PDB file of all heavy atoms in Angstrom:
ATOM      1  N   SER A   1      55.788 149.830-169.536  1.00  0.00           N
ATOM      2  CA  SER A   1      55.235 148.885-170.568  1.00  0.00           C
ATOM      3  C   SER A   1      56.185 147.598-170.638  1.00  0.00           C
ATOM      4  O   SER A   1      55.714 146.607-171.069  1.00  0.00           O
ATOM      5  CB  SER A   1      55.168 149.505-171.887  1.00  0.00           C
ATOM      6  OG  SER A   1      56.490 149.932-172.357  1.00  0.00           O
ATOM      7  N   GLU A   2      57.424 147.703-170.164  1.00  0.00           N
ATOM      8  CA  GLU A   2      58.239 146.612-170.022  1.00  0.00           C
ATOM      9  C   GLU A   2      59.120 146.752-168.786  1.00  0.00           C
ATOM     10  O   GLU A   2      59.227 147.829-168.284  1.00  0.00           O
ATOM     11  CB  GLU A   2      59.130 146.472-171.349  1.00  0.00           C
ATOM     12  CG  GLU A   2      60.076 147.747-171.611  1.00  0.00           C
ATOM     13  CD  GLU A   2      60.891 147.592-172.750  1.00  0.00           C
ATOM     14  OE1 GLU A   2      60.735 146.554-173.476  1.00  0.00           O
ATOM     15  OE2 GLU A   2      61.694 148.546-173.039  1.00  0.00           O
ATOM     16  N   ASN A   3      59.650 145.647-168.315  1.00  0.00           N
ATOM     17  CA  ASN A   3      60.468 145.671-167.144  1.00  0.00           C
ATOM     18  C   ASN A   3      61.845 146.344-167.404  1.00  0.00           C
ATOM     19  O   ASN A   3      62.617 145.874-168.244  1.00  0.00           O
ATOM     20  CB  ASN A   3      60.660 144.198-166.543  1.00  0.00           C
ATOM     21  CG  ASN A   3      61.388 144.191-165.225  1.00  0.00           C
ATOM     22  OD1 ASN A   3      62.609 144.170-165.152  1.00  0.00           O
ATOM     23  ND2 ASN A   3      60.699 144.452-164.175  1.00  0.00           N
ATOM     24  N   LEU A   4      62.182 147.431-166.689  1.00  0.00           N
ATOM     25  CA  LEU A   4      63.390 148.203-166.754  1.00  0.00           C
ATOM     26  C   LEU A   4      64.519 147.631-165.915  1.00  0.00           C
ATOM     27  O   LEU A   4      65.666 147.984-166.243  1.00  0.00           O
ATOM     28  CB  LEU A   4      63.160 149.636-166.654  1.00  0.00           C
ATOM     29  CG  LEU A   4      62.152 150.291-167.547  1.00  0.00           C
ATOM     30  CD1 LEU A   4      62.074 151.724-167.125  1.00  0.00           C
ATOM     31  CD2 LEU A   4      62.408 150.078-169.055  1.00  0.00           C
ATOM     32  N   GLY A   5      64.157 146.888-164.906  1.00  0.00           N
ATOM     33  CA  GLY A   5      65.164 146.521-163.900  1.00  0.00           C
ATOM     34  C   GLY A   5      65.394 147.746-162.918  1.00  0.00           C
ATOM     35  O   GLY A   5      64.923 148.851-163.131  1.00  0.00           O
ATOM     36  N   PRO A   6      65.903 147.420-161.752  1.00  0.00           N
ATOM     37  CA  PRO A   6      66.113 148.523-160.687  1.00  0.00           C
ATOM     38  C   PRO A   6      66.795 149.721-161.113  1.00  0.00           C
ATOM     39  O   PRO A   6      66.276 150.860-160.893  1.00  0.00           O
ATOM     40  CB  PRO A   6      66.949 147.743-159.618  1.00  0.00           C
ATOM     41  CG  PRO A   6      66.594 146.299-159.782  1.00  0.00           C
ATOM     42  CD  PRO A   6      66.433 146.141-161.366  1.00  0.00           C
ATOM     43  N   GLU A   7      67.908 149.672-161.851  1.00  0.00           N
ATOM     44  CA  GLU A   7      68.612 150.837-162.306  1.00  0.00           C
ATOM     45  C   GLU A   7      67.707 151.738-163.190  1.00  0.00           C
ATOM     46  O   GLU A   7      67.565 152.865-162.920  1.00  0.00           O
ATOM     47  CB  GLU A   7      69.936 150.483-162.916  1.00  0.00           C
ATOM     48  CG  GLU A   7      70.642 151.720-163.417  1.00  0.00           C
ATOM     49  CD  GLU A   7      71.957 151.325-164.192  1.00  0.00           C
ATOM     50  OE1 GLU A   7      72.254 150.176-164.406  1.00  0.00           O
ATOM     51  OE2 GLU A   7      72.736 152.251-164.464  1.00  0.00           O
ATOM     52  N   GLY A   8      67.064 151.151-164.225  1.00  0.00           N
ATOM     53  CA  GLY A   8      66.245 151.831-165.070  1.00  0.00           C
ATOM     54  C   GLY A   8      65.005 152.425-164.389  1.00  0.00           C
ATOM     55  O   GLY A   8      64.737 153.644-164.687  1.00  0.00           O
ATOM     56  N   ASN A   9      64.429 151.674-163.578  1.00  0.00           N
ATOM     57  CA  ASN A   9      63.192 152.139-162.897  1.00  0.00           C
ATOM     58  C   ASN A   9      63.492 153.246-161.846  1.00  0.00           C
ATOM     59  O   ASN A   9      62.757 154.129-161.622  1.00  0.00           O
ATOM     60  CB  ASN A   9      62.374 151.034-162.324  1.00  0.00           C
ATOM     61  CG  ASN A   9      60.906 151.311-161.950  1.00  0.00           C
ATOM     62  OD1 ASN A   9      60.360 152.130-162.775  1.00  0.00           O
ATOM     63  ND2 ASN A   9      60.386 150.891-160.841  1.00  0.00           N
ATOM     64  N   TRP A  10      64.645 153.093-161.070  1.00  0.00           N
ATOM     65  CA  TRP A  10      64.922 154.089-160.072  1.00  0.00           C
ATOM     66  C   TRP A  10      65.283 155.392-160.800  1.00  0.00           C
ATOM     67  O   TRP A  10      64.825 156.504-160.354  1.00  0.00           O
ATOM     68  CB  TRP A  10      66.103 153.657-159.340  1.00  0.00           C
ATOM     69  CG  TRP A  10      65.804 152.513-158.382  1.00  0.00           C
ATOM     70  CD1 TRP A  10      64.825 151.597-158.427  1.00  0.00           C
ATOM     71  CD2 TRP A  10      66.613 152.224-157.150  1.00  0.00           C
ATOM     72  NE1 TRP A  10      64.929 150.671-157.362  1.00  0.00           N
ATOM     73  CE2 TRP A  10      65.968 151.088-156.462  1.00  0.00           C
ATOM     74  CE3 TRP A  10      67.619 152.818-156.530  1.00  0.00           C
ATOM     75  CZ2 TRP A  10      66.436 150.545-155.333  1.00  0.00           C
ATOM     76  CZ3 TRP A  10      68.111 152.316-155.262  1.00  0.00           C
ATOM     77  CH2 TRP A  10      67.505 151.172-154.738  1.00  0.00           C
ATOM     78  N   ASN A  11      65.976 155.376-161.829  1.00  0.00           N
ATOM     79  CA  ASN A  11      66.269 156.566-162.567  1.00  0.00           C
ATOM     80  C   ASN A  11      65.013 157.283-163.182  1.00  0.00           C
ATOM     81  O   ASN A  11      64.796 158.432-163.156  1.00  0.00           O
ATOM     82  CB  ASN A  11      67.318 156.346-163.661  1.00  0.00           C
ATOM     83  CG  ASN A  11      68.755 156.302-163.109  1.00  0.00           C
ATOM     84  OD1 ASN A  11      69.140 157.215-162.255  1.00  0.00           O
ATOM     85  ND2 ASN A  11      69.538 155.359-163.448  1.00  0.00           N
ATOM     86  N   LYS A  12      64.128 156.303-163.734  1.00  0.00           N
ATOM     87  CA  LYS A  12      62.847 156.956-164.227  1.00  0.00           C
ATOM     88  C   LYS A  12      62.019 157.570-163.109  1.00  0.00           C
ATOM     89  O   LYS A  12      61.342 158.604-163.275  1.00  0.00           O
ATOM     90  CB  LYS A  12      62.065 155.745-164.846  1.00  0.00           C
ATOM     91  CG  LYS A  12      60.765 156.257-165.637  1.00  0.00           C
ATOM     92  CD  LYS A  12      60.099 155.146-166.368  1.00  0.00           C
ATOM     93  CE  LYS A  12      58.873 155.656-167.114  1.00  0.00           C
ATOM     94  NZ  LYS A  12      58.150 154.511-167.860  1.00  0.00           N
ATOM     95  N   ALA A  13      62.125 156.957-161.847  1.00  0.00           N
ATOM     96  CA  ALA A  13      61.373 157.455-160.697  1.00  0.00           C
ATOM     97  C   ALA A  13      61.795 158.870-160.297  1.00  0.00           C
ATOM     98  O   ALA A  13      61.033 159.515-159.640  1.00  0.00           O
ATOM     99  CB  ALA A  13      61.432 156.460-159.603  1.00  0.00           C
ATOM    100  N   ILE A  14      62.963 159.262-160.628  1.00  0.00           N
ATOM    101  CA  ILE A  14      63.498 160.601-160.233  1.00  0.00           C
ATOM    102  C   ILE A  14      63.490 161.564-161.478  1.00  0.00           C
ATOM    103  O   ILE A  14      64.036 162.598-161.399  1.00  0.00           O
ATOM    104  CB  ILE A  14      64.851 160.500-159.499  1.00  0.00           C
ATOM    105  CG1 ILE A  14      65.911 159.927-160.387  1.00  0.00           C
ATOM    106  CG2 ILE A  14      64.724 159.800-158.246  1.00  0.00           C
ATOM    107  CD1 ILE A  14      67.359 159.978-159.751  1.00  0.00           C
ATOM    108  N   SER A  15      62.984 161.114-162.507  1.00  0.00           N
ATOM    109  CA  SER A  15      63.215 161.821-163.831  1.00  0.00           C
ATOM    110  C   SER A  15      62.236 163.038-163.950  1.00  0.00           C
ATOM    111  O   SER A  15      62.460 163.950-164.662  1.00  0.00           O
ATOM    112  CB  SER A  15      62.977 160.900-164.993  1.00  0.00           C
ATOM    113  OG  SER A  15      61.820 160.414-165.140  1.00  0.00           O
ATOM    114  N   SER A  16      61.125 162.930-163.298  1.00  0.00           N
ATOM    115  CA  SER A  16      60.017 163.996-163.479  1.00  0.00           C
ATOM    116  C   SER A  16      59.459 164.502-162.189  1.00  0.00           C
ATOM    117  O   SER A  16      58.254 164.682-161.954  1.00  0.00           O
ATOM    118  CB  SER A  16      58.892 163.376-164.256  1.00  0.00           C
ATOM    119  OG  SER A  16      59.312 162.970-165.555  1.00  0.00           O
ATOM    120  N   VAL A  17      60.337 164.808-161.258  1.00  0.00           N
ATOM    121  CA  VAL A  17      59.913 165.278-159.888  1.00  0.00           C
ATOM    122  C   VAL A  17      59.680 166.821-160.065  1.00  0.00           C
ATOM    123  O   VAL A  17      60.310 167.523-160.714  1.00  0.00           O
ATOM    124  CB  VAL A  17      60.988 164.962-158.867  1.00  0.00           C
ATOM    125  CG1 VAL A  17      61.321 163.480-158.855  1.00  0.00           C
ATOM    126  CG2 VAL A  17      62.272 165.676-159.149  1.00  0.00           C
ATOM    127  N   ARG A  18      58.718 167.200-159.227  1.00  0.00           N
ATOM    128  CA  ARG A  18      58.370 168.611-159.170  1.00  0.00           C
ATOM    129  C   ARG A  18      58.743 169.223-157.859  1.00  0.00           C
ATOM    130  O   ARG A  18      58.787 170.495-157.640  1.00  0.00           O
ATOM    131  CB  ARG A  18      56.848 168.871-159.389  1.00  0.00           C
ATOM    132  CG  ARG A  18      56.496 168.447-160.842  1.00  0.00           C
ATOM    133  CD  ARG A  18      54.999 169.010-161.068  1.00  0.00           C
ATOM    134  NE  ARG A  18      54.068 168.388-160.150  1.00  0.00           N
ATOM    135  CZ  ARG A  18      53.113 169.157-159.527  1.00  0.00           C
ATOM    136  NH1 ARG A  18      53.095 170.353-159.725  1.00  0.00           N
ATOM    137  NH2 ARG A  18      52.334 168.509-158.662  1.00  0.00           N
ATOM    138  N   GLY A  19      59.075 168.424-156.945  1.00  0.00           N
ATOM    139  CA  GLY A  19      59.397 168.989-155.599  1.00  0.00           C
ATOM    140  C   GLY A  19      60.750 169.591-155.458  1.00  0.00           C
ATOM    141  O   GLY A  19      61.693 169.194-156.252  1.00  0.00           O
ATOM    142  N   ARG A  20      60.901 170.429-154.418  1.00  0.00           N
ATOM    143  CA  ARG A  20      62.231 171.030-154.192  1.00  0.00           C
ATOM    144  C   ARG A  20      63.182 170.041-153.618  1.00  0.00           C
ATOM    145  O   ARG A  20      64.427 170.041-153.798  1.00  0.00           O
ATOM    146  CB  ARG A  20      62.102 172.216-153.328  1.00  0.00           C
ATOM    147  CG  ARG A  20      63.401 172.891-152.837  1.00  0.00           C
ATOM    148  CD  ARG A  20      63.098 174.146-152.003  1.00  0.00           C
ATOM    149  NE  ARG A  20      64.296 174.637-151.315  1.00  0.00           N
ATOM    150  CZ  ARG A  20      64.257 175.621-150.392  1.00  0.00           C
ATOM    151  NH1 ARG A  20      63.207 176.131-149.992  1.00  0.00           N
ATOM    152  NH2 ARG A  20      65.487 175.944-149.899  1.00  0.00           N
ATOM    153  N   PHE A  21      62.601 169.080-152.858  1.00  0.00           N
ATOM    154  CA  PHE A  21      63.256 167.980-152.251  1.00  0.00           C
ATOM    155  C   PHE A  21      62.792 166.610-152.624  1.00  0.00           C
ATOM    156  O   PHE A  21      61.570 166.561-152.937  1.00  0.00           O
ATOM    157  CB  PHE A  21      63.333 168.113-150.712  1.00  0.00           C
ATOM    158  CG  PHE A  21      63.904 169.408-150.191  1.00  0.00           C
ATOM    159  CD1 PHE A  21      63.017 170.361-149.731  1.00  0.00           C
ATOM    160  CD2 PHE A  21      65.308 169.741-150.280  1.00  0.00           C
ATOM    161  CE1 PHE A  21      63.346 171.576-149.172  1.00  0.00           C
ATOM    162  CE2 PHE A  21      65.626 171.013-149.846  1.00  0.00           C
ATOM    163  CZ  PHE A  21      64.749 171.973-149.266  1.00  0.00           C
ATOM    164  N   VAL A  22      63.674 165.635-152.687  1.00  0.00           N
ATOM    165  CA  VAL A  22      63.218 164.308-153.237  1.00  0.00           C
ATOM    166  C   VAL A  22      63.501 163.167-152.258  1.00  0.00           C
ATOM    167  O   VAL A  22      64.711 163.225-151.602  1.00  0.00           O
ATOM    168  CB  VAL A  22      63.941 164.043-154.467  1.00  0.00           C
ATOM    169  CG1 VAL A  22      63.458 162.676-155.108  1.00  0.00           C
ATOM    170  CG2 VAL A  22      63.621 165.205-155.558  1.00  0.00           C
ATOM    171  N   LYS A  23      62.595 162.191-152.165  1.00  0.00           N
ATOM    172  CA  LYS A  23      62.952 160.941-151.368  1.00  0.00           C
ATOM    173  C   LYS A  23      62.518 159.806-152.242  1.00  0.00           C
ATOM    174  O   LYS A  23      61.300 159.800-152.590  1.00  0.00           O
ATOM    175  CB  LYS A  23      62.181 160.985-149.911  1.00  0.00           C
ATOM    176  CG  LYS A  23      62.291 159.800-149.167  1.00  0.00           C
ATOM    177  CD  LYS A  23      61.691 159.805-147.921  1.00  0.00           C
ATOM    178  CE  LYS A  23      62.455 160.465-146.802  1.00  0.00           C
ATOM    179  NZ  LYS A  23      63.686 159.904-146.391  1.00  0.00           N
ATOM    180  N   LEU A  24      63.332 158.840-152.301  1.00  0.00           N
ATOM    181  CA  LEU A  24      63.000 157.671-152.979  1.00  0.00           C
ATOM    182  C   LEU A  24      62.861 156.529-151.801  1.00  0.00           C
ATOM    183  O   LEU A  24      63.669 156.343-150.984  1.00  0.00           O
ATOM    184  CB  LEU A  24      64.124 157.208-153.969  1.00  0.00           C
ATOM    185  CG  LEU A  24      63.842 155.932-154.793  1.00  0.00           C
ATOM    186  CD1 LEU A  24      64.533 156.162-156.162  1.00  0.00           C
ATOM    187  CD2 LEU A  24      64.413 154.698-154.138  1.00  0.00           C
ATOM    188  N   VAL A  25      61.678 155.906-151.944  1.00  0.00           N
ATOM    189  CA  VAL A  25      61.305 154.863-151.052  1.00  0.00           C
ATOM    190  C   VAL A  25      61.106 153.581-151.771  1.00  0.00           C
ATOM    191  O   VAL A  25      60.186 153.531-152.688  1.00  0.00           O
ATOM    192  CB  VAL A  25      60.066 155.232-150.273  1.00  0.00           C
ATOM    193  CG1 VAL A  25      59.759 154.152-149.261  1.00  0.00           C
ATOM    194  CG2 VAL A  25      60.277 156.593-149.493  1.00  0.00           C
ATOM    195  N   CYS A  26      61.767 152.529-151.458  1.00  0.00           N
ATOM    196  CA  CYS A  26      61.526 151.146-152.053  1.00  0.00           C
ATOM    197  C   CYS A  26      60.265 150.594-151.625  1.00  0.00           C
ATOM    198  O   CYS A  26      59.752 150.894-150.608  1.00  0.00           O
ATOM    199  CB  CYS A  26      62.657 150.174-151.745  1.00  0.00           C
ATOM    200  SG  CYS A  26      64.341 150.729-152.449  1.00  0.00           S
ATOM    201  N   GLY A  27      59.669 149.763-152.489  1.00  0.00           N
ATOM    202  CA  GLY A  27      58.237 149.305-152.347  1.00  0.00           C
ATOM    203  C   GLY A  27      57.981 148.387-151.245  1.00  0.00           C
ATOM    204  O   GLY A  27      56.830 147.908-151.039  1.00  0.00           O
ATOM    205  N   ASP A  28      58.949 148.203-150.311  1.00  0.00           N
ATOM    206  CA  ASP A  28      58.671 147.439-149.135  1.00  0.00           C
ATOM    207  C   ASP A  28      59.193 148.110-147.819  1.00  0.00           C
ATOM    208  O   ASP A  28      59.096 147.591-146.766  1.00  0.00           O
ATOM    209  CB  ASP A  28      59.312 145.994-149.199  1.00  0.00           C
ATOM    210  CG  ASP A  28      60.826 146.138-149.468  1.00  0.00           C
ATOM    211  OD1 ASP A  28      61.349 147.179-149.731  1.00  0.00           O
ATOM    212  OD2 ASP A  28      61.405 145.007-149.501  1.00  0.00           O
ATOM    213  N   ASP A  29      59.534 149.343-147.913  1.00  0.00           N
ATOM    214  CA  ASP A  29      60.089 150.085-146.775  1.00  0.00           C
ATOM    215  C   ASP A  29      58.984 150.956-146.197  1.00  0.00           C
ATOM    216  O   ASP A  29      57.837 151.161-146.845  1.00  0.00           O
ATOM    217  CB  ASP A  29      61.319 150.901-147.124  1.00  0.00           C
ATOM    218  CG  ASP A  29      62.533 149.983-147.417  1.00  0.00           C
ATOM    219  OD1 ASP A  29      62.477 148.790-147.008  1.00  0.00           O
ATOM    220  OD2 ASP A  29      63.424 150.392-148.208  1.00  0.00           O
ATOM    221  N   ILE A  30      59.250 151.638-145.026  1.00  0.00           N
ATOM    222  CA  ILE A  30      58.241 152.357-144.278  1.00  0.00           C
ATOM    223  C   ILE A  30      58.793 153.716-143.933  1.00  0.00           C
ATOM    224  O   ILE A  30      59.986 153.798-143.436  1.00  0.00           O
ATOM    225  CB  ILE A  30      57.879 151.611-142.955  1.00  0.00           C
ATOM    226  CG1 ILE A  30      57.270 150.206-143.368  1.00  0.00           C
ATOM    227  CG2 ILE A  30      56.917 152.375-142.198  1.00  0.00           C
ATOM    228  CD1 ILE A  30      56.012 150.226-144.106  1.00  0.00           C
ATOM    229  N   LEU A  31      58.033 154.802-143.968  1.00  0.00           N
ATOM    230  CA  LEU A  31      58.371 155.983-143.382  1.00  0.00           C
ATOM    231  C   LEU A  31      57.553 156.144-142.036  1.00  0.00           C
ATOM    232  O   LEU A  31      56.390 155.955-141.988  1.00  0.00           O
ATOM    233  CB  LEU A  31      57.991 157.242-144.345  1.00  0.00           C
ATOM    234  CG  LEU A  31      58.583 157.316-145.607  1.00  0.00           C
ATOM    235  CD1 LEU A  31      58.180 158.727-146.247  1.00  0.00           C
ATOM    236  CD2 LEU A  31      60.131 157.222-145.528  1.00  0.00           C
ATOM    237  N   TYR A  32      58.211 156.588-141.015  1.00  0.00           N
ATOM    238  CA  TYR A  32      57.538 156.837-139.727  1.00  0.00           C
ATOM    239  C   TYR A  32      56.838 158.272-139.824  1.00  0.00           C
ATOM    240  O   TYR A  32      57.283 159.047-140.743  1.00  0.00           O
ATOM    241  CB  TYR A  32      58.478 156.854-138.562  1.00  0.00           C
ATOM    242  CG  TYR A  32      58.999 155.454-138.297  1.00  0.00           C
ATOM    243  CD1 TYR A  32      60.164 155.223-137.679  1.00  0.00           C
ATOM    244  CD2 TYR A  32      58.191 154.284-138.682  1.00  0.00           C
ATOM    245  CE1 TYR A  32      60.671 153.898-137.415  1.00  0.00           C
ATOM    246  CE2 TYR A  32      58.712 153.055-138.439  1.00  0.00           C
ATOM    247  CZ  TYR A  32      59.911 152.833-137.794  1.00  0.00           C
ATOM    248  OH  TYR A  32      60.387 151.520-137.602  1.00  0.00           O
ATOM    249  N   PRO A  33      55.798 158.558-139.063  1.00  0.00           N
ATOM    250  CA  PRO A  33      54.874 159.759-139.370  1.00  0.00           C
ATOM    251  C   PRO A  33      55.620 161.108-139.481  1.00  0.00           C
ATOM    252  O   PRO A  33      55.251 161.989-140.209  1.00  0.00           O
ATOM    253  CB  PRO A  33      53.961 159.666-138.231  1.00  0.00           C
ATOM    254  CG  PRO A  33      53.863 158.235-137.832  1.00  0.00           C
ATOM    255  CD  PRO A  33      55.235 157.681-138.101  1.00  0.00           C
ATOM    256  N   THR A  34      56.703 161.334-138.754  1.00  0.00           N
ATOM    257  CA  THR A  34      57.392 162.644-138.684  1.00  0.00           C
ATOM    258  C   THR A  34      58.607 162.643-139.619  1.00  0.00           C
ATOM    259  O   THR A  34      59.367 163.653-139.621  1.00  0.00           O
ATOM    260  CB  THR A  34      57.766 163.106-137.295  1.00  0.00           C
ATOM    261  OG1 THR A  34      58.628 162.141-136.798  1.00  0.00           O
ATOM    262  CG2 THR A  34      56.420 163.234-136.414  1.00  0.00           C
ATOM    263  N   CYS A  35      58.889 161.722-140.462  1.00  0.00           N
ATOM    264  CA  CYS A  35      60.078 161.628-141.316  1.00  0.00           C
ATOM    265  C   CYS A  35      60.238 162.827-142.144  1.00  0.00           C
ATOM    266  O   CYS A  35      61.246 163.575-142.014  1.00  0.00           O
ATOM    267  CB  CYS A  35      60.115 160.330-142.067  1.00  0.00           C
ATOM    268  SG  CYS A  35      61.509 160.167-143.115  1.00  0.00           S
TER     269      CYS A  35
END
């Protein structure tokens, strides 16, 4: 609802994960198919 800045948004982005493993990808980067 408001801009948190990179630190706030990155921490929010990992706050409610359900996976056993986690990968954070910035909004301009790319994963190759077998990553």
